[in-house]
C-alpha atoms as a PDB file:
ATOM      1  CA  MET A   1    -160.487  61.131 -84.366  1.00  0.00           C
ATOM      2  CA  SER A   2    -160.868  59.374 -87.635  1.00  0.00           C
ATOM      3  CA  LYS A   3    -161.622  55.692 -88.043  1.00  0.00           C
ATOM      4  CA  ASP A   4    -158.106  55.256 -89.441  1.00  0.00           C
ATOM      5  CA  HIS A   5    -156.545  56.517 -86.202  1.00  0.00           C
ATOM      6  CA  PRO A   6    -158.629  55.375 -83.241  1.00  0.00           C
ATOM      7  CA  PRO A   7    -157.512  56.549 -79.802  1.00  0.00           C
ATOM      8  CA  LEU A   8    -154.836  54.376 -78.272  1.00  0.00           C
ATOM      9  CA  ASP A   9    -155.781  52.078 -75.418  1.00  0.00           C
ATOM     10  CA  VAL A  10    -153.350  53.347 -72.814  1.00  0.00           C
ATOM     11  CA  THR A  11    -154.449  50.752 -70.267  1.00  0.00           C
ATOM     12  CA  SER A  12    -153.089  47.921 -72.397  1.00  0.00           C
ATOM     13  CA  TYR A  13    -149.674  49.639 -72.549  1.00  0.00           C
ATOM     14  CA  ALA A  14    -149.608  50.081 -68.796  1.00  0.00           C
ATOM     15  CA  GLY A  15    -150.546  46.428 -68.349  1.00  0.00           C
ATOM     16  CA  PHE A  16    -147.839  45.322 -70.763  1.00  0.00           C
ATOM     17  CA  ALA A  17    -145.234  47.427 -68.912  1.00  0.00           C
ATOM     18  CA  LEU A  18    -146.292  45.950 -65.563  1.00  0.00           C
ATOM     19  CA  LEU A  19    -146.188  42.425 -66.942  1.00  0.00           C
ATOM     20  CA  ALA A  20    -142.737  42.962 -68.498  1.00  0.00           C
ATOM     21  CA  GLY A  21    -141.415  44.477 -65.263  1.00  0.00           C
ATOM     22  CA  ALA A  22    -142.796  41.634 -63.152  1.00  0.00           C
ATOM     23  CA  GLY A  23    -141.322  39.064 -65.536  1.00  0.00           C
ATOM     24  CA  LEU A  24    -137.943  40.755 -65.454  1.00  0.00           C
ATOM     25  CA  GLU A  25    -137.964  40.915 -61.668  1.00  0.00           C
ATOM     26  CA  ALA A  26    -138.959  37.239 -61.404  1.00  0.00           C
ATOM     27  CA  ALA A  27    -136.184  36.224 -63.804  1.00  0.00           C
ATOM     28  CA  LEU A  28    -133.575  38.204 -61.891  1.00  0.00           C
ATOM     29  CA  ARG A  29    -134.676  36.765 -58.538  1.00  0.00           C
ATOM     30  CA  ALA A  30    -134.870  33.157 -59.760  1.00  0.00           C
ATOM     31  CA  VAL A  31    -131.302  32.892 -60.973  1.00  0.00           C
ATOM     32  CA  PRO A  32    -128.368  34.923 -59.715  1.00  0.00           C
ATOM     33  CA  TYR A  33    -127.365  36.254 -63.146  1.00  0.00           C
ATOM     34  CA  PRO A  34    -124.121  38.086 -63.659  1.00  0.00           C
ATOM     35  CA  ARG A  35    -124.542  41.864 -63.962  1.00  0.00           C
ATOM     36  CA  ALA A  36    -124.041  41.790 -67.724  1.00  0.00           C
ATOM     37  CA  VAL A  37    -126.954  39.371 -68.185  1.00  0.00           C
ATOM     38  CA  ALA A  38    -129.164  41.445 -65.875  1.00  0.00           C
ATOM     39  CA  ALA A  39    -128.283  44.592 -67.819  1.00  0.00           C
ATOM     40  CA  ALA A  40    -129.066  42.832 -71.107  1.00  0.00           C
ATOM     41  CA  LEU A  41    -132.469  41.699 -69.786  1.00  0.00           C
ATOM     42  CA  ALA A  42    -133.254  45.234 -68.623  1.00  0.00           C
ATOM     43  CA  ALA A  43    -132.204  46.658 -71.998  1.00  0.00           C
ATOM     44  CA  ALA A  44    -134.401  44.115 -73.773  1.00  0.00           C
ATOM     45  CA  ALA A  45    -137.374  45.123 -71.614  1.00  0.00           C
ATOM     46  CA  VAL A  46    -136.794  48.812 -72.368  1.00  0.00           C
ATOM     47  CA  ALA A  47    -136.433  48.050 -76.090  1.00  0.00           C
ATOM     48  CA  ALA A  48    -139.705  46.088 -76.039  1.00  0.00           C
ATOM     49  CA  LEU A  49    -141.531  49.025 -74.424  1.00  0.00           C
ATOM     50  CA  LEU A  50    -139.935  51.798 -76.493  1.00  0.00           C
ATOM     51  CA  PRO A  51    -142.367  51.682 -79.457  1.00  0.00           C
ATOM     52  CA  TYR A  52    -145.304  51.940 -77.065  1.00  0.00           C
ATOM     53  CA  SER A  53    -143.672  54.795 -75.197  1.00  0.00           C
ATOM     54  CA  ILE A  54    -143.025  56.719 -78.408  1.00  0.00           C
ATOM     55  CA  GLN A  55    -146.569  56.119 -79.648  1.00  0.00           C
ATOM     56  CA  LEU A  56    -148.032  57.458 -76.384  1.00  0.00           C
ATOM     57  CA  ARG A  57    -146.218  60.748 -76.942  1.00  0.00           C
ATOM     58  CA  THR A  58    -147.735  61.502 -80.335  1.00  0.00           C
ATOM     59  CA  PRO A  59    -150.622  63.944 -80.800  1.00  0.00           C
ATOM     60  CA  GLN A  60    -152.760  61.059 -82.052  1.00  0.00           C
ATOM     61  CA  SER A  61    -152.595  59.389 -78.646  1.00  0.00           C
ATOM     62  CA  ARG A  62    -154.639  62.199 -77.047  1.00  0.00           C
ATOM     63  CA  LEU A  63    -158.396  62.427 -77.189  1.00  0.00           C
ATOM     64  CA  ASP A  64    -158.178  66.220 -76.988  1.00  0.00           C
ATOM     65  CA  ASP A  65    -155.716  69.044 -77.621  1.00  0.00           C
ATOM     66  CA  PRO A  66    -155.666  71.538 -74.722  1.00  0.00           C
ATOM     67  CA  MET A  67    -152.913  73.627 -76.308  1.00  0.00           C
ATOM     68  CA  ALA A  68    -154.927  74.091 -79.515  1.00  0.00           C
ATOM     69  CA  ALA A  69    -157.934  75.091 -77.397  1.00  0.00           C
ATOM     70  CA  ALA A  70    -155.778  77.657 -75.571  1.00  0.00           C
ATOM     71  CA  ARG A  71    -154.620  79.116 -78.901  1.00  0.00           C
ATOM     72  CA  ALA A  72    -158.231  79.287 -80.095  1.00  0.00           C
ATOM     73  CA  VAL A  73    -159.188  81.196 -76.941  1.00  0.00           C
ATOM     74  CA  ARG A  74    -156.363  83.676 -77.605  1.00  0.00           C
ATOM     75  CA  GLU A  75    -157.466  84.120 -81.248  1.00  0.00           C
ATOM     76  CA  LEU A  76    -161.098  84.814 -80.311  1.00  0.00           C
ATOM     77  CA  THR A  77    -160.637  87.079 -77.295  1.00  0.00           C
ATOM     78  CA  ARG A  78    -159.351  90.480 -76.318  1.00  0.00           C
ATOM     79  CA  PRO A  79    -158.194  91.771 -72.916  1.00  0.00           C
ATOM     80  CA  GLY A  80    -161.027  92.095 -70.422  1.00  0.00           C
ATOM     81  CA  ASP A  81    -163.131  89.281 -71.906  1.00  0.00           C
ATOM     82  CA  GLY A  82    -164.325  86.525 -69.619  1.00  0.00           C
ATOM     83  CA  VAL A  83    -163.548  82.832 -69.913  1.00  0.00           C
ATOM     84  CA  LEU A  84    -165.557  79.827 -68.741  1.00  0.00           C
ATOM     85  CA  PHE A  85    -164.914  76.104 -68.809  1.00  0.00           C
ATOM     86  CA  MET A  86    -167.987  73.935 -69.386  1.00  0.00           C
ATOM     87  CA  PRO A  87    -167.854  71.580 -67.660  1.00  0.00           C
ATOM     88  CA  ALA A  88    -165.360  72.724 -65.054  1.00  0.00           C
ATOM     89  CA  ARG A  89    -163.098  69.746 -65.808  1.00  0.00           C
ATOM     90  CA  ARG A  90    -162.408  71.346 -69.219  1.00  0.00           C
ATOM     91  CA  ARG A  91    -159.954  73.672 -67.449  1.00  0.00           C
ATOM     92  CA  GLU A  92    -156.903  71.812 -68.891  1.00  0.00           C
ATOM     93  CA  PRO A  93    -156.132  74.469 -71.548  1.00  0.00           C
ATOM     94  CA  ILE A  94    -155.517  77.174 -68.944  1.00  0.00           C
ATOM     95  CA  LEU A  95    -153.444  74.763 -66.863  1.00  0.00           C
ATOM     96  CA  SER A  96    -151.218  73.789 -69.800  1.00  0.00           C
ATOM     97  CA  SER A  97    -150.965  77.233 -71.482  1.00  0.00           C
ATOM     98  CA  PRO A  98    -151.694  79.933 -68.893  1.00  0.00           C
ATOM     99  CA  GLY A  99    -150.042  82.641 -71.009  1.00  0.00           C
ATOM    100  CA  GLU A 100    -152.748  82.304 -73.668  1.00  0.00           C
ATOM    101  CA  PHE A 101    -155.292  83.430 -71.050  1.00  0.00           C
ATOM    102  CA  ARG A 102    -153.412  86.527 -69.879  1.00  0.00           C
ATOM    103  CA  GLY A 103    -155.757  89.515 -69.600  1.00  0.00           C
ATOM    104  CA  LEU A 104    -158.912  87.377 -69.452  1.00  0.00           C
ATOM    105  CA  LYS A 105    -161.205  87.085 -66.436  1.00  0.00           C
ATOM    106  CA  GLU A 106    -161.824  83.544 -65.264  1.00  0.00           C
ATOM    107  CA  LEU A 107    -165.459  83.902 -64.246  1.00  0.00           C
ATOM    108  CA  ALA A 108    -166.239  80.728 -62.300  1.00  0.00           C
ATOM    109  CA  LEU A 109    -163.071  79.861 -60.392  1.00  0.00           C
ATOM    110  CA  ALA A 110    -163.066  80.294 -56.610  1.00  0.00           C
ATOM    111  CA  ARG A 111    -159.774  78.484 -55.811  1.00  0.00           C
ATOM    112  CA  HIS A 112    -157.030  77.299 -58.136  1.00  0.00           C
ATOM    113  CA  ALA A 113    -156.100  73.623 -58.400  1.00  0.00           C
ATOM    114  CA  VAL A 114    -152.930  73.543 -56.285  1.00  0.00           C
ATOM    115  CA  PRO A 115    -154.202  75.525 -53.276  1.00  0.00           C
ATOM    116  CA  SER A 116    -157.486  73.605 -53.330  1.00  0.00           C
ATOM    117  CA  GLY A 117    -155.760  70.216 -53.620  1.00  0.00           C
ATOM    118  CA  THR A 118    -157.878  69.308 -56.665  1.00  0.00           C
ATOM    119  CA  LEU A 119    -157.160  68.642 -60.329  1.00  0.00           C
ATOM    120  CA  HIS A 120    -159.155  71.564 -61.720  1.00  0.00           C
ATOM    121  CA  GLY A 121    -159.810  73.910 -58.816  1.00  0.00           C
ATOM    122  CA  ILE A 122    -163.058  74.746 -57.081  1.00  0.00           C
ATOM    123  CA  GLU A 123    -165.791  76.813 -58.663  1.00  0.00           C
ATOM    124  CA  LEU A 124    -167.881  79.543 -57.077  1.00  0.00           C
ATOM    125  CA  PRO A 125    -171.493  78.939 -56.097  1.00  0.00           C
ATOM    126  CA  ALA A 126    -173.935  79.351 -59.007  1.00  0.00           C
ATOM    127  CA  PRO A 127    -175.274  82.812 -58.017  1.00  0.00           C
ATOM    128  CA  ARG A 128    -171.726  84.239 -57.874  1.00  0.00           C
ATOM    129  CA  ILE A 129    -170.922  82.750 -61.283  1.00  0.00           C
ATOM    130  CA  ARG A 130    -174.028  84.463 -62.672  1.00  0.00           C
ATOM    131  CA  ALA A 131    -173.023  87.805 -61.163  1.00  0.00           C
ATOM    132  CA  ARG A 132    -169.505  87.546 -62.610  1.00  0.00           C
ATOM    133  CA  MET A 133    -170.778  86.540 -66.046  1.00  0.00           C
ATOM    134  CA  LEU A 134    -173.008  89.603 -66.175  1.00  0.00           C
ATOM    135  CA  THR A 135    -170.018  91.934 -65.595  1.00  0.00           C
ATOM    136  CA  VAL A 136    -168.472  91.235 -69.020  1.00  0.00           C
ATOM    137  CA  GLN A 137    -169.520  91.873 -72.596  1.00  0.00           C
ATOM    138  CA  ARG A 138    -167.860  88.815 -74.121  1.00  0.00           C
ATOM    139  CA  ILE A 139    -167.115  85.301 -72.834  1.00  0.00           C
ATOM    140  CA  ALA A 140    -164.952  82.590 -74.393  1.00  0.00           C
ATOM    141  CA  VAL A 141    -166.260  79.173 -73.425  1.00  0.00           C
ATOM    142  CA  VAL A 142    -164.131  76.025 -73.627  1.00  0.00           C
ATOM    143  CA  MET A 143    -166.547  73.109 -73.799  1.00  0.00           C
ATOM    144  CA  ASP A 144    -167.016  69.483 -74.649  1.00  0.00           C
ATOM    145  CA  PRO A 145    -167.762  68.651 -78.276  1.00  0.00           C
ATOM    146  CA  PRO A 146    -171.423  68.230 -79.276  1.00  0.00           C
ATOM    147  CA  GLY A 147    -173.112  65.016 -78.239  1.00  0.00           C
ATOM    148  CA  ARG A 148    -171.521  64.715 -74.821  1.00  0.00           C
ATOM    149  CA  PRO A 149    -173.883  64.615 -71.838  1.00  0.00           C
ATOM    150  CA  LEU A 150    -174.205  67.908 -69.988  1.00  0.00           C
ATOM    151  CA  ASP A 151    -173.115  68.084 -66.354  1.00  0.00           C
ATOM    152  CA  ASP A 152    -176.110  68.720 -64.125  1.00  0.00           C
ATOM    153  CA  THR A 153    -174.519  70.749 -61.324  1.00  0.00           C
ATOM    154  CA  PRO A 154    -175.965  74.090 -60.200  1.00  0.00           C
ATOM    155  CA  GLN A 155    -172.871  75.841 -61.575  1.00  0.00           C
ATOM    156  CA  GLU A 156    -173.144  74.258 -65.028  1.00  0.00           C
ATOM    157  CA  ARG A 157    -176.900  74.890 -65.219  1.00  0.00           C
ATOM    158  CA  MET A 158    -176.306  78.543 -64.284  1.00  0.00           C
ATOM    159  CA  LYS A 159    -173.601  78.992 -66.924  1.00  0.00           C
ATOM    160  CA  ARG A 160    -175.893  77.599 -69.634  1.00  0.00           C
ATOM    161  CA  ASP A 161    -178.851  79.695 -68.448  1.00  0.00           C
ATOM    162  CA  VAL A 162    -176.943  82.999 -68.403  1.00  0.00           C
ATOM    163  CA  LEU A 163    -175.396  82.326 -71.806  1.00  0.00           C
ATOM    164  CA  ASP A 164    -178.818  81.439 -73.279  1.00  0.00           C
ATOM    165  CA  ARG A 165    -180.589  84.475 -71.798  1.00  0.00           C
ATOM    166  CA  SER A 166    -177.991  87.236 -71.979  1.00  0.00           C
ATOM    167  CA  PHE A 167    -175.454  86.335 -74.686  1.00  0.00           C
ATOM    168  CA  ARG A 168    -175.358  85.096 -78.264  1.00  0.00           C
ATOM    169  CA  ARG A 169    -172.822  83.008 -80.171  1.00  0.00           C
ATOM    170  CA  CYS A 170    -170.376  85.076 -82.225  1.00  0.00           C
ATOM    171  CA  ALA A 171    -167.644  82.653 -83.272  1.00  0.00           C
ATOM    172  CA  GLU A 172    -166.621  79.051 -82.831  1.00  0.00           C
ATOM    173  CA  ARG A 173    -163.420  77.047 -83.199  1.00  0.00           C
ATOM    174  CA  GLU A 174    -163.344  73.254 -83.119  1.00  0.00           C
ATOM    175  CA  VAL A 175    -160.163  71.583 -81.936  1.00  0.00           C
ATOM    176  CA  ARG A 176    -159.555  67.922 -81.213  1.00  0.00           C
ATOM    177  CA  GLY A 177    -161.887  66.907 -78.389  1.00  0.00           C
ATOM    178  CA  MET A 178    -163.104  70.433 -77.538  1.00  0.00           C
ATOM    179  CA  VAL A 179    -164.971  73.422 -78.894  1.00  0.00           C
ATOM    180  CA  VAL A 180    -164.193  77.053 -78.080  1.00  0.00           C
ATOM    181  CA  VAL A 181    -167.181  79.361 -78.510  1.00  0.00           C
ATOM    182  CA  LEU A 182    -167.163  83.133 -78.190  1.00  0.00           C
ATOM    183  CA  TYR A 183    -170.388  84.507 -76.727  1.00  0.00           C
ATOM    184  CA  ALA A 184    -171.178  88.230 -76.597  1.00  0.00           C
ATOM    185  CA  ARG A 185    -173.891  90.582 -75.489  1.00  0.00           C
ATOM    186  CA  PRO A 186    -176.022  91.859 -78.344  1.00  0.00           C
ATOM    187  CA  GLY A 187    -173.926  94.314 -80.352  1.00  0.00           C
ATOM    188  CA  ALA A 188    -170.616  93.309 -78.730  1.00  0.00           C
ATOM    189  CA  CYS A 189    -169.397  90.660 -81.179  1.00  0.00           C
END
């Protein structure tokens, strides 16, 4: 994000909405207004919140762009390639645009989000991730932008180790809040 368009502070909007709702409820309970007055107060509250609601739905309100990352994965890959999310919480692109990942092998996922009752699913143990990674020639990796701290789980350490030892970077696409990197075995770019 540029300095001209800093990320929006969503918490202040939520607080404002709660405060407006509480004020409206208190006003309606304090005096038995006729329905027309109550409707006017409700409309005024909605009108006061509308600019904030609209602003929250703009692309600038997001810190990242999962749909752009999904398109970048599609542009860089071909059927049969693997895909990894580093860290695992970077799985939002496949959740929001699963069609862009059709034909790719998700190398680290053991259980999807819904059946596992989690936001991003559950990953395999590190040795199984390694084994899966070594079955493909090319891997698209959706990752945090440079400068973010690396997750220190066995799975994330294994992903980094296998990529460093057995693959090389072929291509890279930066999107808002994420980087998509294509890794390949020597000679497979």
